N, C-alpha and C. Protein backbone atom coordinates (compact mmCIF):
# COMPACT_ATOMS: atom_id res chain seq x y z
N MET A 1 120.08 103.33 118.99
CA MET A 1 119.15 102.88 118.18
C MET A 1 117.74 104.12 118.74
N ASN A 2 116.90 104.16 117.67
CA ASN A 2 116.10 105.26 117.79
C ASN A 2 114.75 104.34 117.87
N CYS A 3 113.36 104.45 118.25
CA CYS A 3 111.98 103.65 117.67
C CYS A 3 111.32 105.11 117.61
N ARG A 4 110.86 104.30 116.45
CA ARG A 4 108.99 104.89 116.18
C ARG A 4 108.22 104.44 116.17
N ILE A 5 106.49 104.57 116.88
CA ILE A 5 105.26 103.61 116.69
C ILE A 5 104.76 104.58 115.52
N GLY A 6 103.81 103.93 114.71
CA GLY A 6 102.76 104.63 114.25
C GLY A 6 101.85 104.11 113.76
N ILE A 7 100.66 104.47 112.95
CA ILE A 7 99.73 103.80 112.69
C ILE A 7 99.79 103.99 110.82
N THR A 8 98.69 102.81 110.62
CA THR A 8 98.18 102.89 108.86
C THR A 8 96.97 102.23 108.24
N THR A 9 96.72 102.08 107.49
CA THR A 9 95.96 100.93 107.16
C THR A 9 96.50 100.15 105.82
N ASP A 10 97.70 100.44 105.33
CA ASP A 10 99.33 99.64 104.37
C ASP A 10 100.11 99.50 105.19
N LEU A 11 99.92 98.31 106.08
CA LEU A 11 101.79 97.60 106.67
C LEU A 11 102.20 97.66 105.41
N GLY A 12 102.22 97.29 104.50
CA GLY A 12 103.16 96.81 103.36
C GLY A 12 103.81 97.85 102.99
N GLY A 13 102.43 99.10 102.47
CA GLY A 13 103.58 100.33 102.04
C GLY A 13 104.01 101.12 102.99
N GLN A 14 103.87 101.25 104.18
CA GLN A 14 104.26 101.88 105.09
C GLN A 14 105.74 101.22 105.70
N LYS A 15 105.81 100.07 105.88
CA LYS A 15 106.83 99.37 105.70
C LYS A 15 107.74 99.65 104.65
N ALA A 16 107.42 99.52 103.55
CA ALA A 16 108.87 99.95 102.16
C ALA A 16 108.75 101.60 102.43
N TYR A 17 107.98 102.07 102.51
CA TYR A 17 108.39 103.55 102.85
C TYR A 17 109.24 103.72 104.06
N CYS A 18 108.83 103.44 105.27
CA CYS A 18 109.95 103.56 106.40
C CYS A 18 111.54 103.24 106.05
N GLU A 19 111.44 101.75 105.43
CA GLU A 19 112.61 101.19 104.94
C GLU A 19 113.42 101.96 104.46
N SER A 20 112.49 102.93 102.99
CA SER A 20 113.01 104.18 102.52
C SER A 20 113.92 105.34 103.04
N ILE A 21 113.69 105.40 104.30
CA ILE A 21 113.99 106.77 104.61
C ILE A 21 115.10 106.35 106.03
N TYR A 22 114.73 105.60 106.38
CA TYR A 22 115.44 105.15 107.84
C TYR A 22 116.98 104.25 107.68
N LYS A 23 117.89 104.04 108.65
CA LYS A 23 119.21 103.07 107.92
C LYS A 23 118.77 101.82 109.14
N ASN A 24 118.69 100.92 108.66
CA ASN A 24 119.18 99.91 109.48
C ASN A 24 118.01 99.73 110.45
N LEU A 25 116.48 99.79 109.65
CA LEU A 25 114.98 99.62 110.18
C LEU A 25 115.60 98.23 110.78
N SER A 26 114.95 97.80 111.57
CA SER A 26 114.65 96.43 112.34
C SER A 26 113.24 96.30 113.14
N THR A 27 113.10 95.10 113.75
CA THR A 27 111.99 94.92 114.72
C THR A 27 110.83 95.36 114.15
N TRP A 28 110.70 95.45 113.04
CA TRP A 28 109.01 95.74 112.51
C TRP A 28 108.34 94.81 113.20
N GLN A 29 107.27 95.25 114.12
CA GLN A 29 105.93 94.51 114.05
C GLN A 29 104.98 95.31 114.46
N ILE A 30 104.35 94.88 114.41
CA ILE A 30 102.41 95.26 114.88
C ILE A 30 102.33 95.01 116.03
N ILE A 31 102.01 96.06 116.94
CA ILE A 31 101.59 95.94 118.24
C ILE A 31 99.55 96.46 118.67
N ASP A 32 99.23 96.33 117.35
CA ASP A 32 97.98 96.10 117.77
C ASP A 32 97.31 96.28 116.17
N GLY A 33 96.16 95.79 116.21
CA GLY A 33 94.97 95.74 114.98
C GLY A 33 94.70 94.61 114.43
N PRO A 34 94.09 94.05 113.69
CA PRO A 34 93.37 95.02 113.37
C PRO A 34 92.48 96.37 114.06
N LEU A 35 92.51 97.68 113.97
CA LEU A 35 91.18 98.21 114.44
C LEU A 35 90.35 98.78 113.84
N ASP A 36 88.98 99.01 114.20
CA ASP A 36 88.29 99.76 113.12
C ASP A 36 88.41 101.16 112.89
N THR A 37 89.00 101.72 113.64
CA THR A 37 88.82 103.08 113.45
C THR A 37 90.10 104.11 113.53
N LYS A 38 90.46 105.25 112.87
CA LYS A 38 91.71 105.63 112.85
C LYS A 38 91.78 106.23 114.38
N GLU A 39 90.72 106.88 114.96
CA GLU A 39 90.74 107.39 116.45
C GLU A 39 90.98 106.33 117.66
N GLU A 40 91.27 104.89 117.03
CA GLU A 40 91.52 104.03 117.88
C GLU A 40 92.94 103.78 118.19
N ALA A 41 93.14 103.72 116.42
CA ALA A 41 94.89 103.69 116.65
C ALA A 41 95.58 105.00 117.10
N GLN A 42 94.89 106.04 116.42
CA GLN A 42 95.07 107.23 117.37
C GLN A 42 95.67 107.17 118.93
N ALA A 43 94.55 106.43 119.25
CA ALA A 43 94.99 106.55 121.12
C ALA A 43 95.55 105.76 121.72
N ILE A 44 96.25 104.64 120.94
CA ILE A 44 97.17 103.88 121.07
C ILE A 44 98.19 104.18 120.96
N GLU A 45 98.57 104.41 120.06
CA GLU A 45 99.95 105.33 119.79
C GLU A 45 100.19 106.49 120.34
N ASP A 46 99.31 107.43 120.67
CA ASP A 46 99.59 108.55 121.65
C ASP A 46 100.25 108.06 123.46
N GLU A 47 99.29 107.25 123.63
CA GLU A 47 99.59 106.03 124.70
C GLU A 47 100.84 105.56 124.88
N LEU A 48 101.70 105.15 123.71
CA LEU A 48 102.50 104.18 123.96
C LEU A 48 103.76 104.90 123.07
N VAL A 49 104.07 106.29 122.70
CA VAL A 49 104.92 106.65 122.24
C VAL A 49 105.60 107.24 123.18
N PRO A 50 105.21 107.89 124.36
CA PRO A 50 105.82 108.40 125.46
C PRO A 50 106.09 106.72 126.90
N LYS A 51 105.59 106.20 126.46
CA LYS A 51 105.40 104.96 127.59
C LYS A 51 106.68 104.24 126.90
N HIS A 52 107.09 104.17 125.80
CA HIS A 52 108.70 103.36 125.25
C HIS A 52 109.55 104.56 124.90
N GLY A 53 109.22 105.86 124.97
CA GLY A 53 109.88 106.53 124.59
C GLY A 53 110.69 106.85 123.04
N CYS A 54 109.67 106.53 122.21
CA CYS A 54 109.93 106.85 120.87
C CYS A 54 109.13 107.77 120.16
N GLN A 55 109.60 108.02 119.32
CA GLN A 55 109.28 109.08 118.39
C GLN A 55 108.06 108.52 117.64
N SER A 56 107.22 109.45 117.24
CA SER A 56 105.54 109.09 116.26
C SER A 56 105.79 109.26 115.34
N HIS A 57 105.13 108.29 114.44
CA HIS A 57 105.63 108.75 113.21
C HIS A 57 104.22 109.01 112.20
N ARG A 58 103.66 109.95 112.20
CA ARG A 58 102.44 110.23 111.56
C ARG A 58 102.55 110.63 110.57
N GLU A 59 103.62 110.25 109.79
CA GLU A 59 102.98 110.00 108.32
C GLU A 59 101.86 108.92 107.72
N GLY A 60 102.04 108.12 108.49
CA GLY A 60 101.17 106.75 108.34
C GLY A 60 99.89 106.86 108.37
N GLY A 61 99.29 108.01 109.07
CA GLY A 61 97.84 108.15 109.40
C GLY A 61 97.57 108.52 108.47
N ILE A 62 96.83 108.28 107.09
CA ILE A 62 96.19 109.29 105.94
C ILE A 62 95.90 107.31 105.49
N SER A 63 94.45 107.64 105.54
CA SER A 63 94.39 106.55 104.75
C SER A 63 92.83 106.97 103.09
N ASP A 64 93.03 106.10 102.39
CA ASP A 64 91.55 106.55 100.99
C ASP A 64 90.39 106.23 101.60
N ASP A 65 90.39 104.72 102.31
CA ASP A 65 89.69 104.25 102.27
C ASP A 65 89.02 104.06 103.63
N PRO A 66 88.15 104.76 103.78
CA PRO A 66 87.54 104.78 104.85
C PRO A 66 87.08 103.66 105.96
N ASP A 67 86.92 102.24 105.56
CA ASP A 67 86.42 100.64 105.74
C ASP A 67 87.91 100.63 106.07
N ALA A 68 89.03 100.77 105.85
CA ALA A 68 89.88 99.93 105.79
C ALA A 68 90.98 99.99 107.34
N PRO A 69 90.94 98.30 107.61
CA PRO A 69 91.35 98.61 109.12
C PRO A 69 92.99 99.11 109.63
N TRP A 70 92.69 99.55 110.29
CA TRP A 70 93.87 100.28 111.29
C TRP A 70 94.83 99.47 111.81
N TYR A 71 96.31 100.03 111.73
CA TYR A 71 97.54 99.14 112.94
C TYR A 71 98.21 99.89 113.25
N VAL A 72 98.79 99.48 114.50
CA VAL A 72 99.79 100.06 115.21
C VAL A 72 101.13 99.54 115.14
N TYR A 73 102.21 100.25 114.46
CA TYR A 73 103.34 99.46 114.36
C TYR A 73 104.66 99.87 114.90
N TYR A 74 105.78 99.71 114.86
CA TYR A 74 106.78 100.05 115.76
C TYR A 74 107.57 99.30 115.06
N PHE A 75 109.00 100.06 115.01
CA PHE A 75 110.56 99.31 114.81
C PHE A 75 111.47 100.40 115.51
N ILE A 76 112.16 99.62 114.93
CA ILE A 76 113.96 100.60 115.62
C ILE A 76 114.83 101.09 114.17
N TYR A 77 115.64 102.03 114.55
CA TYR A 77 116.14 102.28 113.13
C TYR A 77 117.60 102.87 114.26
N ASP A 78 118.79 103.00 113.31
CA ASP A 78 119.48 104.03 113.37
C ASP A 78 120.22 105.40 113.08
N GLY A 79 118.80 106.13 112.36
CA GLY A 79 119.03 107.05 112.09
C GLY A 79 118.05 107.75 110.50
N LYS A 80 118.22 108.81 110.02
CA LYS A 80 117.76 108.58 108.60
C LYS A 80 118.79 108.42 107.67
N LYS A 81 118.24 108.48 106.30
CA LYS A 81 119.39 107.90 105.54
C LYS A 81 119.98 109.17 104.69
């Protein structure tokens, strides 16, 4: 099993995206949030990725809403579809 950690302001949209490209995605969980800034979320992601031996999932780090809260998420999967 592989794991990924990422950040997003759109938990539902990001989870759906991840489910569309990764096989057997499971254990989806919010590690932290809501957070006020992308920088806060990114710092947590940067700290946790090496600590847990996961891959970074930076594709989720984009937001059209500057006031949206940020979340750090985690999941495990078997590989790409």
